[in-house]
Protein backbone atom coordinates (compact mmCIF):
# COMPACT_ATOMS: atom_id res chain seq x y z
CA MET A 1 -44.06 19.40 -11.06
CA LEU A 2 -43.55 19.06 -14.82
CA ASP A 3 -40.89 20.95 -16.72
CA SER A 4 -41.23 22.15 -20.32
CA SER A 5 -40.05 18.79 -21.66
CA GLY A 6 -42.63 16.75 -19.71
CA LEU A 7 -40.25 15.40 -17.06
CA TRP A 8 -41.17 15.26 -13.40
CA ILE A 9 -38.87 17.48 -11.34
CA ASN A 10 -38.79 18.48 -7.68
CA ASN A 11 -38.73 22.10 -6.60
CA PRO A 12 -36.10 23.05 -4.01
CA LYS A 13 -37.34 22.29 -0.52
CA ARG A 14 -38.60 25.28 1.42
CA SER A 15 -36.75 26.40 4.54
CA TRP A 16 -38.70 26.91 7.76
CA ALA A 17 -36.24 29.61 8.82
CA LYS A 18 -36.75 31.41 5.50
CA ILE A 19 -40.54 31.28 5.91
CA ILE A 20 -40.24 32.87 9.36
CA GLU A 21 -37.93 35.51 7.91
CA ASN A 22 -40.42 36.32 5.14
CA CYS A 23 -43.27 36.68 7.65
CA TYR A 24 -41.21 39.21 9.61
CA HIS A 25 -40.39 40.99 6.35
CA ILE A 26 -44.10 41.31 5.52
CA TRP A 27 -44.80 42.76 8.97
CA HIS A 28 -42.06 45.38 8.65
CA LYS A 29 -43.35 46.34 5.21
CA SER A 30 -46.89 46.76 6.55
CA GLU A 31 -45.63 49.33 9.07
CA LYS A 32 -44.88 51.75 6.24
CA PRO A 33 -47.73 54.04 5.13
CA ARG A 34 -49.88 53.25 2.07
CA THR A 35 -48.64 49.69 1.67
CA LYS A 36 -51.89 47.66 1.93
CA THR A 37 -51.92 46.60 -1.73
CA ALA A 38 -48.16 46.07 -1.80
CA VAL A 39 -48.36 43.83 1.29
CA GLY A 40 -51.07 41.69 -0.33
CA GLU A 41 -48.95 41.30 -3.44
CA GLU A 42 -45.89 40.44 -1.34
CA ILE A 43 -47.80 37.69 0.50
CA THR A 44 -48.79 36.16 -2.84
CA LYS A 45 -45.29 36.52 -4.27
CA LEU A 46 -43.52 34.91 -1.30
CA GLY A 47 -46.22 32.28 -0.80
CA VAL A 48 -46.37 32.68 3.00
CA ARG A 49 -49.26 33.67 5.24
CA ASP A 50 -49.15 33.71 9.02
CA VAL A 51 -52.85 33.74 9.89
CA LEU A 52 -52.32 35.46 13.25
CA ASN A 53 -50.05 38.17 11.90
CA THR A 54 -52.18 38.72 8.79
CA SER A 55 -55.29 39.29 10.92
CA ILE A 56 -53.35 41.82 13.00
CA ILE A 57 -52.19 43.63 9.85
CA ASP A 58 -55.73 43.75 8.44
CA ARG A 59 -57.10 45.04 11.74
CA ARG A 60 -54.42 47.74 11.89
CA TYR A 61 -55.20 48.89 8.33
CA GLU A 62 -58.91 49.16 9.19
CA ILE A 63 -58.18 51.36 12.22
CA LEU A 64 -55.74 53.59 10.35
CA ALA A 65 -58.31 54.06 7.57
CA LYS A 66 -60.73 55.60 10.11
CA LYS A 67 -58.18 58.31 11.05
CA ASP A 68 -59.80 60.64 13.61
CA ALA A 69 -62.98 58.50 13.75
CA ALA A 70 -61.12 55.68 15.48
CA THR A 71 -62.28 54.90 19.02
CA ALA A 72 -60.03 55.15 22.06
CA GLU A 73 -59.91 51.38 22.28
CA GLU A 74 -58.76 51.14 18.65
CA VAL A 75 -56.10 53.79 19.18
CA GLN A 76 -54.89 51.88 22.22
CA PHE A 77 -54.74 48.70 20.08
CA VAL A 78 -52.45 50.39 17.50
CA GLN A 79 -50.28 51.80 20.28
CA GLY A 80 -50.03 48.34 21.82
CA LEU A 81 -48.74 46.98 18.50
CA LYS A 82 -46.03 49.64 18.49
CA ASN A 83 -45.00 48.69 22.00
CA LEU A 84 -44.86 45.01 21.09
CA ASP A 85 -42.85 45.83 17.98
CA GLN A 86 -40.18 47.41 20.16
CA GLY A 87 -40.10 44.55 22.67
CA GLY A 88 -41.81 41.18 22.57
CA LYS A 89 -42.34 41.09 18.82
CA GLU A 90 -42.75 37.30 18.95
CA ALA A 91 -46.29 37.77 20.29
CA LEU A 92 -47.33 39.22 16.90
CA PHE A 93 -46.63 35.94 15.12
CA SER A 94 -47.65 32.31 15.32
CA PRO A 95 -46.39 30.62 18.51
CA PHE A 96 -45.19 27.73 16.33
CA PHE A 97 -42.31 29.98 15.27
CA GLN A 98 -40.94 29.74 18.82
CA LEU A 99 -41.37 25.97 19.13
CA LYS A 100 -37.89 24.47 19.32
CA GLY A 101 -37.28 21.33 17.29
CA PHE A 102 -40.33 21.92 15.09
CA ASP A 103 -39.88 22.29 11.33
CA GLY A 104 -43.11 23.47 9.74
CA CYS A 105 -41.99 22.25 6.32
CA ALA A 106 -40.99 18.72 7.31
CA ASP A 107 -43.23 18.09 10.33
CA THR A 108 -46.61 18.78 8.70
CA PRO A 109 -47.60 15.54 6.90
CA VAL A 110 -50.23 15.12 4.19
CA GLU A 111 -53.46 14.16 5.97
CA VAL A 112 -55.27 11.57 3.87
CA LEU A 113 -58.75 11.97 5.36
CA HIS A 114 -59.15 15.59 4.26
CA VAL A 115 -56.72 15.59 1.32
CA PHE A 116 -57.76 12.30 -0.27
CA LEU A 117 -61.22 11.17 0.88
CA LEU A 118 -62.76 14.58 1.64
CA GLY A 119 -60.72 16.14 -1.13
CA ILE A 120 -59.95 14.28 -4.34
CA VAL A 121 -62.51 11.46 -3.98
CA LYS A 122 -65.20 13.92 -2.90
CA TYR A 123 -64.52 16.26 -5.84
CA MET A 124 -64.61 13.47 -8.40
CA LEU A 125 -67.65 11.65 -6.99
CA GLN A 126 -69.76 14.79 -6.69
CA SER A 127 -68.69 16.02 -10.13
CA PHE A 128 -69.70 12.72 -11.74
CA MET A 129 -72.97 12.27 -9.83
CA LYS A 130 -74.09 15.79 -10.79
CA SER A 131 -73.56 14.94 -14.45
CA LEU A 132 -75.86 11.88 -14.31
CA PRO A 133 -79.45 12.23 -15.58
CA ALA A 134 -82.13 11.82 -12.93
CA GLY A 135 -83.43 8.69 -14.69
CA VAL A 136 -80.13 6.87 -14.14
CA LEU A 137 -80.07 7.28 -10.34
CA PRO A 138 -82.43 4.31 -9.68
CA GLU A 139 -80.06 2.11 -11.70
CA VAL A 140 -77.09 3.34 -9.67
CA MET A 141 -79.01 2.52 -6.49
CA ALA A 142 -79.78 -0.97 -7.83
CA ARG A 143 -76.08 -1.58 -8.53
CA TYR A 144 -75.23 -0.51 -4.98
CA GLU A 145 -77.89 -2.99 -3.76
CA SER A 146 -76.15 -5.81 -5.66
CA PHE A 147 -72.60 -4.90 -4.65
CA ASP A 148 -70.97 -7.76 -2.73
CA THR A 149 -69.18 -6.46 0.40
CA LYS A 150 -67.61 -9.77 1.46
CA GLY A 151 -63.91 -9.33 2.14
CA LEU A 152 -64.12 -5.53 2.32
CA ASN A 153 -64.59 -5.03 6.06
CA VAL A 154 -67.60 -2.80 5.30
CA PRO A 155 -70.11 -2.98 8.18
CA SER A 156 -73.13 -1.77 6.19
CA LEU A 157 -74.08 -0.46 2.77
CA ARG A 158 -76.70 2.26 2.36
CA PRO A 159 -77.60 2.39 -1.34
CA TYR A 160 -80.31 5.03 -1.02
CA TYR A 161 -78.13 7.38 1.02
CA LEU A 162 -75.07 6.93 -1.23
CA THR A 163 -77.18 7.75 -4.28
CA LYS A 164 -79.48 10.52 -3.07
CA HIS A 165 -77.21 12.28 -0.60
CA TYR A 166 -73.84 12.05 -2.36
CA SER A 167 -73.13 15.72 -1.50
CA ASN A 168 -73.41 15.05 2.27
CA LEU A 169 -71.23 11.95 2.62
CA ILE A 170 -68.56 11.57 5.29
CA GLY A 171 -65.19 9.85 5.12
CA LYS A 172 -66.34 6.26 5.65
CA ASP A 173 -69.05 6.72 2.99
CA PHE A 174 -66.48 7.86 0.45
CA LYS A 175 -64.43 4.76 1.26
CA VAL A 176 -67.41 2.55 0.39
CA ALA A 177 -68.19 4.52 -2.79
CA LEU A 178 -64.56 4.32 -3.87
CA GLN A 179 -64.40 0.53 -3.53
CA ALA A 180 -67.76 0.08 -5.29
CA ALA A 181 -67.21 2.65 -8.07
CA PRO A 182 -65.85 0.27 -10.77
CA PHE A 183 -68.90 -1.99 -10.49
CA VAL A 184 -71.51 0.70 -9.84
CA LEU A 185 -70.47 3.78 -11.82
CA PHE A 186 -68.23 2.56 -14.65
CA GLU A 187 -71.23 1.61 -16.83
CA TYR A 188 -72.21 5.29 -17.05
CA MET A 189 -68.74 6.71 -17.72
CA SER A 190 -66.95 7.60 -20.92
CA GLU A 191 -63.64 5.90 -21.60
CA ASP A 192 -61.63 8.94 -20.46
CA LYS A 193 -63.49 9.10 -17.14
CA ARG A 194 -63.05 5.36 -16.62
CA LEU A 195 -59.30 5.77 -17.04
CA VAL A 196 -59.24 8.50 -14.38
CA TRP A 197 -61.31 6.46 -11.95
CA SER A 198 -59.37 3.29 -12.69
CA ALA A 199 -56.12 5.08 -11.78
CA LEU A 200 -57.76 6.44 -8.62
CA CYS A 201 -59.03 3.00 -7.59
CA GLN A 202 -55.55 1.51 -7.99
CA LEU A 203 -53.98 4.36 -6.01
CA ALA A 204 -56.42 4.31 -3.06
CA PRO A 205 -55.36 0.92 -1.59
CA LEU A 206 -51.75 2.08 -1.37
CA VAL A 207 -52.80 5.34 0.27
CA PHE A 208 -54.65 3.50 3.07
CA GLN A 209 -52.25 0.58 3.45
CA THR A 210 -51.42 0.18 7.15
CA HIS A 211 -48.56 -2.33 6.88
CA ILE A 212 -45.66 -1.75 4.49
CA ALA A 213 -43.30 -4.71 4.19
CA ASP A 214 -40.90 -3.18 1.63
CA MET A 215 -40.75 0.61 1.84
CA ASP A 216 -38.53 1.03 -1.22
CA ALA A 217 -40.84 -0.95 -3.51
CA TYR A 218 -43.86 0.77 -1.96
CA GLN A 219 -42.43 4.23 -2.63
CA ILE A 220 -41.79 3.37 -6.28
CA SER A 221 -45.33 2.03 -6.77
CA LEU A 222 -46.98 4.92 -4.92
CA ARG A 223 -45.13 7.65 -6.83
CA GLN A 224 -45.82 5.95 -10.15
CA LEU A 225 -49.55 5.56 -9.44
CA VAL A 226 -49.82 9.18 -8.25
CA ARG A 227 -48.28 10.40 -11.50
CA VAL A 228 -50.46 8.15 -13.64
CA PHE A 229 -53.57 9.38 -11.82
CA ILE A 230 -52.60 13.05 -12.21
CA TYR A 231 -51.87 12.48 -15.90
CA HIS A 232 -55.35 11.08 -16.59
CA LEU A 233 -56.96 13.71 -14.34
CA ILE A 234 -55.28 16.69 -16.05
CA LYS A 235 -55.89 15.15 -19.47
CA SER A 236 -59.66 15.12 -18.77
CA THR A 237 -59.52 18.84 -17.94
CA ALA A 238 -56.67 20.98 -16.63
CA GLN A 239 -59.17 22.82 -14.43
CA TRP A 240 -58.20 20.44 -11.63
CA VAL A 241 -54.94 22.38 -11.13
CA ASN A 242 -56.98 24.94 -9.17
CA LYS A 243 -57.39 22.40 -6.35
CA PRO A 244 -54.48 22.59 -3.85
CA LYS A 245 -55.26 19.09 -2.59
CA ILE A 246 -54.29 17.67 -6.00
CA HIS A 247 -50.85 19.21 -5.53
CA MET A 248 -50.61 17.92 -1.93
CA LEU A 249 -50.96 14.39 -3.25
CA LEU A 250 -47.47 14.72 -4.77
CA HIS A 251 -46.03 15.12 -1.25
CA LEU A 252 -47.77 12.06 0.20
CA ALA A 253 -44.87 9.69 -0.53
CA ASP A 254 -42.43 11.93 1.39
CA SER A 255 -44.80 12.08 4.37
CA ILE A 256 -45.11 8.28 4.47
CA LEU A 257 -41.33 7.92 4.20
CA ARG A 258 -40.95 10.21 7.23
CA PHE A 259 -43.92 9.22 9.42
CA GLY A 260 -44.95 5.73 8.25
CA PRO A 261 -48.31 4.55 6.81
CA ALA A 262 -50.61 7.49 6.11
CA ALA A 263 -53.62 5.95 7.86
CA LEU A 264 -51.71 5.97 11.17
CA PHE A 265 -51.04 9.73 11.35
CA ALA A 266 -54.52 11.00 10.49
CA THR A 267 -55.65 14.14 12.33
CA GLU A 268 -58.89 12.42 13.36
CA LYS A 269 -56.93 9.89 15.40
CA PHE A 270 -58.35 11.20 18.66
CA GLU A 271 -61.86 10.17 17.63
CA SER A 272 -60.87 6.85 19.18
CA TYR A 273 -61.54 8.56 22.52
CA ASN A 274 -65.24 8.86 21.71
CA GLY A 275 -65.93 6.02 24.13
CA VAL A 276 -64.32 7.98 26.98
CA LEU A 277 -66.31 11.07 26.00
CA ARG A 278 -69.54 9.09 25.94
CA LYS A 279 -68.97 7.56 29.38
CA SER A 280 -68.00 10.92 30.87
CA SER A 281 -71.13 12.49 29.43
CA ILE A 282 -73.40 9.68 30.68
CA HIS A 283 -72.00 9.84 34.22
CA SER A 284 -72.17 13.63 34.31
CA ASN A 285 -74.62 15.46 36.61
CA ARG A 286 -75.95 17.27 33.50
CA GLN A 287 -75.18 20.66 35.03
CA SER A 288 -71.89 21.27 33.22
CA PRO A 289 -71.10 18.22 31.05
CA GLY A 290 -68.25 19.98 29.24
CA LYS A 291 -66.49 20.60 32.53
CA ASP A 292 -67.06 17.00 33.68
CA ILE A 293 -65.60 15.64 30.44
CA GLY A 294 -62.55 17.89 30.79
CA ILE A 295 -62.04 16.75 34.39
CA SER A 296 -62.27 13.09 33.30
CA PHE A 297 -59.55 13.54 30.67
CA ALA A 298 -57.38 15.46 33.13
CA ASN A 299 -57.76 12.66 35.71
CA PHE A 300 -56.80 10.01 33.14
CA ARG A 301 -53.77 12.05 32.10
CA ASN A 302 -52.65 12.56 35.71
CA LEU A 303 -53.14 8.87 36.46
CA ARG A 304 -51.04 7.89 33.46
CA HIS A 305 -48.32 10.33 34.51
CA LEU A 306 -48.40 8.99 38.05
CA VAL A 307 -48.06 5.26 37.27
CA SER A 308 -45.40 6.00 34.63
CA GLY A 309 -43.05 7.41 37.27
CA GLY A 310 -43.60 11.04 36.35
CA TYR A 311 -42.78 13.92 38.69
CA PHE A 312 -45.17 16.47 40.20
CA PHE A 313 -44.22 19.79 41.74
CA ASN A 314 -45.26 19.96 45.38
CA CYS A 315 -45.96 23.60 46.21
CA ILE A 316 -45.90 22.97 49.98
CA ALA A 317 -42.56 21.12 49.98
CA ASN A 318 -41.30 23.33 47.13
CA ALA A 319 -39.82 20.28 45.39
CA TYR A 320 -40.58 17.73 42.70
CA GLN A 321 -41.96 14.41 43.92
CA THR A 322 -42.89 11.09 42.33
CA ALA A 323 -44.97 8.10 43.34
CA SER A 324 -43.45 5.41 45.55
CA ALA A 325 -42.11 2.15 44.18
CA LYS A 326 -45.25 0.30 45.35
CA VAL A 327 -47.45 2.47 43.13
CA LEU A 328 -45.19 1.84 40.13
CA GLU A 329 -45.22 -1.91 40.84
CA LEU A 330 -49.03 -1.87 40.86
CA PHE A 331 -48.98 -0.91 37.21
CA ALA A 332 -45.85 -2.82 36.15
CA ASN A 333 -46.92 -6.15 37.69
CA SER A 334 -50.66 -6.09 37.03
CA PRO A 335 -51.73 -6.90 33.43
CA SER A 336 -55.37 -6.14 34.30
CA VAL A 337 -54.47 -2.59 35.37
CA GLN A 338 -52.37 -2.17 32.23
CA LYS A 339 -55.16 -3.31 29.94
CA SER A 340 -57.68 -1.06 31.70
CA MET A 341 -55.51 1.85 30.61
CA GLY A 342 -55.13 0.57 27.04
CA TYR A 343 -51.63 -0.91 27.43
CA ASN A 344 -50.92 -4.53 26.48
CA ALA A 345 -47.29 -5.43 27.11
CA GLU A 346 -47.65 -8.96 25.70
CA ASN A 347 -48.57 -7.76 22.23
CA LEU A 348 -45.74 -5.23 22.20
CA ASP A 349 -42.94 -7.48 23.45
CA ASN A 350 -44.00 -10.85 22.02
CA PRO A 351 -46.87 -10.50 19.55
CA ILE A 352 -49.10 -13.56 19.85
CA PRO A 353 -50.01 -15.02 16.43
CA PHE A 354 -53.72 -15.01 15.79
CA LYS A 355 -55.41 -18.40 15.96
CA PRO A 356 -58.44 -19.08 13.75
CA THR A 357 -61.70 -18.89 15.67
CA VAL A 358 -65.36 -19.54 14.87
CA GLY A 359 -67.25 -16.40 13.86
CA GLY A 360 -70.37 -15.20 12.10
CA ARG A 361 -74.04 -15.62 12.86
CA ARG A 362 -75.99 -18.82 13.28
CA ILE A 363 -76.45 -20.87 10.09
CA ARG A 364 -79.92 -20.74 8.62
CA LYS A 365 -81.72 -24.03 8.02
CA ALA A 366 -81.73 -23.39 4.26
CA LYS A 367 -77.92 -23.35 4.25
CA HIS A 368 -77.42 -26.56 6.19
CA VAL A 369 -75.81 -29.24 4.01
CA THR A 370 -74.97 -32.88 4.48
CA ILE A 371 -71.40 -33.80 5.27
CA PRO A 372 -69.50 -34.20 1.95
CA SER A 373 -68.32 -37.72 1.31
CA ASP A 374 -64.86 -36.44 0.30
CA LEU A 375 -64.54 -34.88 3.74
CA THR A 376 -65.30 -38.10 5.60
CA THR A 377 -62.90 -39.98 3.31
CA GLN A 378 -60.09 -37.49 3.83
CA LEU A 379 -60.58 -37.28 7.61
CA PRO A 380 -61.80 -40.67 8.83
CA GLY A 381 -62.80 -41.05 12.44
CA HIS A 382 -63.72 -37.38 12.90
CA THR A 383 -67.02 -35.82 13.88
CA PHE A 384 -68.05 -32.80 11.84
CA LYS A 385 -69.91 -29.60 12.61
CA GLN A 386 -70.84 -27.02 9.98
CA LEU A 387 -69.64 -23.51 10.83
CA PRO A 388 -71.17 -20.10 9.93
CA GLY A 389 -67.76 -18.50 9.53
CA ILE A 390 -64.09 -18.57 10.54
CA HIS A 391 -61.96 -15.61 11.60
CA ILE A 392 -58.52 -16.07 10.01
CA THR A 393 -57.41 -12.65 11.35
CA ARG A 394 -59.04 -10.13 13.65
CA LYS A 395 -60.65 -8.47 10.63
CA ASP A 396 -60.87 -11.20 7.97
CA LEU A 397 -63.91 -13.44 8.32
CA LEU A 398 -64.46 -16.39 5.99
CA ARG A 399 -68.15 -16.69 5.19
CA PHE A 400 -70.42 -18.61 2.87
CA LYS A 401 -69.68 -17.66 -0.76
CA SER A 402 -66.74 -15.44 0.19
CA ASN A 403 -63.62 -15.73 -1.94
CA GLN A 404 -60.36 -16.68 -0.33
CA GLY A 405 -56.82 -17.24 -1.53
CA ALA A 406 -55.13 -20.50 -0.63
CA ARG A 407 -51.44 -20.59 -1.59
CA LEU A 408 -51.94 -18.06 -4.40
CA GLU A 409 -55.00 -19.91 -5.68
CA LEU A 410 -58.50 -18.45 -5.61
CA GLY A 411 -61.66 -20.25 -4.61
CA GLN A 412 -65.20 -19.56 -3.46
CA ILE A 413 -66.24 -21.04 -0.13
CA ASP A 414 -69.12 -23.51 -0.31
CA HIS A 415 -69.16 -24.42 3.39
CA MET A 416 -66.86 -24.69 6.42
CA TRP A 417 -66.50 -27.47 8.95
CA GLU A 418 -64.99 -28.23 12.31
CA ALA A 419 -63.48 -31.73 12.30
CA ARG A 420 -63.04 -33.10 15.81
CA LYS A 421 -61.29 -36.28 16.94
CA GLU A 422 -61.07 -36.89 20.65
CA ARG A 423 -59.77 -33.58 22.08
CA ARG A 424 -58.27 -32.27 18.87
CA ALA A 425 -60.15 -30.07 16.44
CA LYS A 426 -59.28 -28.57 13.08
CA PHE A 427 -61.03 -26.25 10.66
CA VAL A 428 -61.45 -27.22 7.01
CA VAL A 429 -62.96 -25.33 4.08
CA CYS A 430 -64.79 -26.81 1.09
CA LEU A 431 -64.42 -24.53 -1.90
CA THR A 432 -64.89 -24.23 -5.65
CA PRO A 433 -61.63 -23.26 -7.45
CA PHE A 434 -61.45 -20.24 -9.75
CA GLU A 435 -59.18 -20.01 -12.78
CA PHE A 436 -56.74 -17.15 -13.37
CA GLY A 437 -57.90 -15.00 -16.31
CA GLY A 438 -56.69 -12.05 -18.34
CA ILE A 439 -57.01 -8.33 -17.62
CA SER A 440 -60.39 -6.79 -18.32
CA LYS A 441 -60.09 -3.80 -20.65
CA PHE A 442 -63.26 -2.31 -19.21
CA TYR A 443 -62.39 -2.54 -15.50
CA ASN A 444 -58.57 -2.72 -15.86
CA MET A 445 -58.65 -5.51 -13.27
CA ARG A 446 -57.92 -9.23 -13.23
CA GLU A 447 -60.58 -11.56 -14.60
CA THR A 448 -61.26 -14.90 -12.95
CA ARG A 449 -63.57 -17.74 -13.91
CA ARG A 450 -65.24 -20.52 -11.98
CA GLY A 451 -63.76 -23.86 -12.97
CA GLY A 452 -62.43 -27.21 -11.76
CA GLN A 453 -63.60 -29.70 -9.19
CA GLY A 454 -64.38 -28.81 -5.59
CA ARG A 455 -61.50 -28.98 -3.12
CA ILE A 456 -61.00 -29.30 0.62
CA VAL A 457 -58.25 -27.24 2.24
CA GLY A 458 -57.14 -26.74 5.81
CA ILE A 459 -57.57 -23.34 7.40
CA GLN A 460 -53.79 -23.08 7.77
CA ASP A 461 -53.49 -22.86 3.98
CA VAL A 462 -55.79 -19.86 3.69
CA VAL A 463 -53.82 -16.66 3.06
CA SER A 464 -56.54 -14.00 3.04
CA THR A 465 -59.98 -13.09 1.75
CA LEU A 466 -60.39 -11.34 -1.60
CA ASN A 467 -63.31 -9.28 -2.82
CA VAL A 468 -64.61 -10.57 -6.15
CA GLN A 469 -67.48 -9.05 -8.16
CA HIS A 470 -69.47 -10.46 -11.03
CA ASP A 471 -68.41 -9.25 -14.50
CA CYS A 472 -71.71 -7.56 -15.34
CA HIS A 473 -70.23 -5.70 -18.31
CA LYS A 474 -69.29 -8.90 -20.11
CA GLY A 475 -72.49 -10.64 -19.05
CA ARG A 476 -74.69 -7.63 -20.00
CA CYS A 477 -76.61 -8.11 -16.77
CA SER A 478 -79.99 -6.39 -16.47
CA ILE A 479 -81.61 -4.51 -13.58
CA ASP A 480 -84.97 -5.80 -12.37
CA LEU A 481 -87.33 -5.05 -9.47
CA THR A 482 -86.78 -8.37 -7.73
CA LYS A 483 -85.22 -7.54 -4.34
CA LYS A 484 -87.57 -7.29 -1.38
CA LYS A 485 -87.24 -4.00 0.44
CA LYS A 486 -86.64 -4.31 4.17
CA LEU A 487 -87.35 -1.95 7.04
CA GLU A 488 -85.65 -2.80 10.31
CA ARG A 489 -84.68 -6.20 8.83
CA GLU A 490 -88.30 -7.03 7.99
CA ALA A 491 -89.72 -7.27 4.45
CA ILE A 492 -92.39 -4.60 3.87
CA GLY A 493 -94.01 -5.98 0.69
CA CYS A 494 -92.45 -3.79 -2.00
CA TYR A 495 -89.46 -4.40 -4.26
CA VAL A 496 -86.35 -2.43 -5.20
CA GLY A 497 -84.06 -2.85 -8.16
CA GLU A 498 -81.11 -5.23 -8.23
CA VAL A 499 -78.79 -6.63 -10.87
CA THR A 500 -79.86 -9.96 -12.35
CA HIS A 501 -76.71 -11.83 -13.36
CA THR A 502 -76.80 -13.73 -16.64
CA ASP A 503 -74.20 -16.29 -15.58
CA ASN A 504 -72.40 -17.61 -12.53
CA ASN A 505 -68.94 -18.05 -14.02
CA ASN A 506 -67.23 -14.73 -14.89
CA TYR A 507 -65.88 -12.51 -12.11
CA ILE A 508 -63.49 -9.61 -11.51
CA VAL A 509 -61.02 -9.32 -8.62
CA ASN A 510 -61.74 -5.94 -7.01
CA LEU A 511 -58.39 -4.17 -7.09
CA ALA A 512 -59.99 -1.12 -5.43
CA SER A 513 -60.42 -3.06 -2.17
CA LEU A 514 -58.92 -1.30 0.86
CA SER A 515 -58.69 -4.61 2.78
CA SER A 516 -55.92 -7.19 2.23
CA VAL A 517 -54.19 -4.78 -0.14
CA ASP A 518 -51.09 -6.90 -0.76
CA ALA A 519 -53.15 -10.05 -1.40
CA HIS A 520 -55.33 -8.31 -3.99
CA ARG A 521 -52.32 -6.76 -5.74
CA ASP A 522 -50.22 -9.95 -5.65
CA TYR A 523 -52.99 -12.11 -7.06
CA SER A 524 -54.13 -9.59 -9.67
CA GLY A 525 -50.68 -8.64 -10.94
CA VAL A 526 -52.07 -5.76 -13.03
CA PRO A 527 -49.12 -3.83 -14.51
CA VAL A 528 -49.02 -0.04 -14.29
CA GLU A 529 -47.99 1.57 -17.56
CA ALA A 530 -45.56 4.44 -17.01
CA VAL A 531 -46.37 7.73 -18.75
CA ASP A 532 -43.44 9.02 -20.80
CA CYS A 533 -42.67 12.72 -21.18
CA ARG A 534 -44.21 13.02 -24.68
CA LYS A 535 -47.46 11.47 -23.55
CA GLN A 536 -47.40 13.65 -20.46
CA LEU A 537 -47.13 16.85 -22.49
CA ARG A 538 -49.86 15.81 -24.89
CA GLY A 539 -52.12 15.15 -21.91
CA VAL A 540 -51.43 18.62 -20.49
CA HIS A 541 -52.31 20.33 -23.79
CA GLU A 542 -55.45 18.24 -24.21
CA GLY A 543 -56.49 19.17 -20.69
CA LEU A 544 -55.89 22.86 -21.31
CA ALA A 545 -57.97 22.67 -24.48
CA GLN A 546 -60.83 20.99 -22.57
CA TRP A 547 -60.62 23.68 -19.91
CA HIS A 548 -60.78 26.44 -22.52
CA LEU A 549 -63.77 24.86 -24.27
CA ALA A 550 -65.66 24.69 -20.95
CA GLY A 551 -65.66 28.51 -20.85
CA THR A 552 -65.38 28.75 -17.05
CA LYS A 553 -64.52 32.02 -15.32
CA THR A 554 -61.30 30.53 -13.98
CA GLY A 555 -60.24 29.14 -17.34
CA PRO A 556 -56.87 29.75 -19.00
CA PRO A 557 -56.56 33.41 -20.09
CA GLU A 558 -55.45 32.51 -23.60
CA THR A 559 -56.37 29.90 -26.16
CA PRO A 560 -54.04 26.91 -25.64
CA VAL A 561 -51.32 26.54 -28.24
CA VAL A 562 -51.82 23.39 -30.27
CA VAL A 563 -48.59 21.41 -30.20
CA ASP A 564 -47.81 19.03 -33.02
CA PRO A 565 -47.54 15.58 -31.36
CA SER A 566 -44.77 14.65 -33.79
CA LEU A 567 -42.58 17.36 -32.25
CA LEU A 568 -42.98 16.04 -28.72
């Protein structure tokens, strides 16, 4: 939080034991007569709410308000609460209070799916899309149509759905919209809104980064970007302080420090079992599919416990028993059995480095090219085969016209080849180099420009793929009805809008990309300007003034005091 001088300070950490104590205090206070309003005020004052206990208190107040009109069942309910209060009081509160080793303050991480994607990104995207005139929506759709998804690991792009149904998007849709926002929505934003979205687009890759090489440097960058984003957000309007998820973002760095990358402790992690659910449902007798699915999961759990050497209680022998050594050896010595249960010991003990492999679809005849003379000169005695794509990692696929970094240099792929001599084969890439440019004031991202002679590099020199978009703002690109509309991958004779680029030279490195985060950041090198305390305070007062001018019901109760900037 901010103090009165504009400095970021941390509140004292809450104690789990104190929270439990306060919940018991609220219960004891509710037992006194005529305390319903006082209990509500006490809950707000202490900032604690046990959902189970609060529902019991509310139910008790409703019954007591009926007096003699209460039913026998309701009277018995109140009497049962009195009996529990004398013995077994723990049943009146959340069972988490009795869980040993659990700290509700430290062991409840910030969940990025609901806090970030379905929270902050959702709020901002819906707020902006609602403000757009209806006549602009076809242009937004056309910009989505022209957005280049190479290097983003985005399986599909649905321009119509993203534009028309922005209020019904799910998490993966918000990911796509977030990465495309600078090149789709920035043209329709004011400068203040662009600054907010620019800060959000720089923050998002760090939030979803799955591999952190240097935790100390990562923590510094993440905390700085969070504060910069909140500064621009509050400066636009302080009304955002009403959203608890904005506050939760301040605790994200602590959660990552305790639990690791945020994407790896998402609450939707068990959606990876959808395949098991689907198979169990398909092989069900359709009479009670829910029961069949539950039995399937129970069988898998028991099987895992059995081959792991776990113990079962034998009611007949009245003793704990475990599987024999032969059963344990079946799992320990059989890689096929291990892999069938989702366990791969080789990758855990000795991770095998990924070897480049051929990928992508078959090359169309229009994209077939003759073997470059430079290639035959550089690799004499080889036979060559043009490739549709090359997997440099399990997720990164080099494709035609994708941009890749080779030893901190950027280039666009023209074509890829397999050079074979006798039994040896190597992959080579023919590319057009791109020059390192300045920082775009409009996008706040690194500019790059096509330039230099074509080069041939080995696949071993390729670091990663980068997502690069055309600089349509500088080129003043127009939108025309020139793209054929397809239905089930077949042209249907009508056209939809797309961006017509005025040049083929000026591009922007997409710093909002959620793939190859370190490569995008290292190549771009866009500095993050820290917000000093004076600037922070001015932003807060500007945001309060904007909130007051909006005239909302939840606005500040008083007119914001205008602070002389020279005094800050």
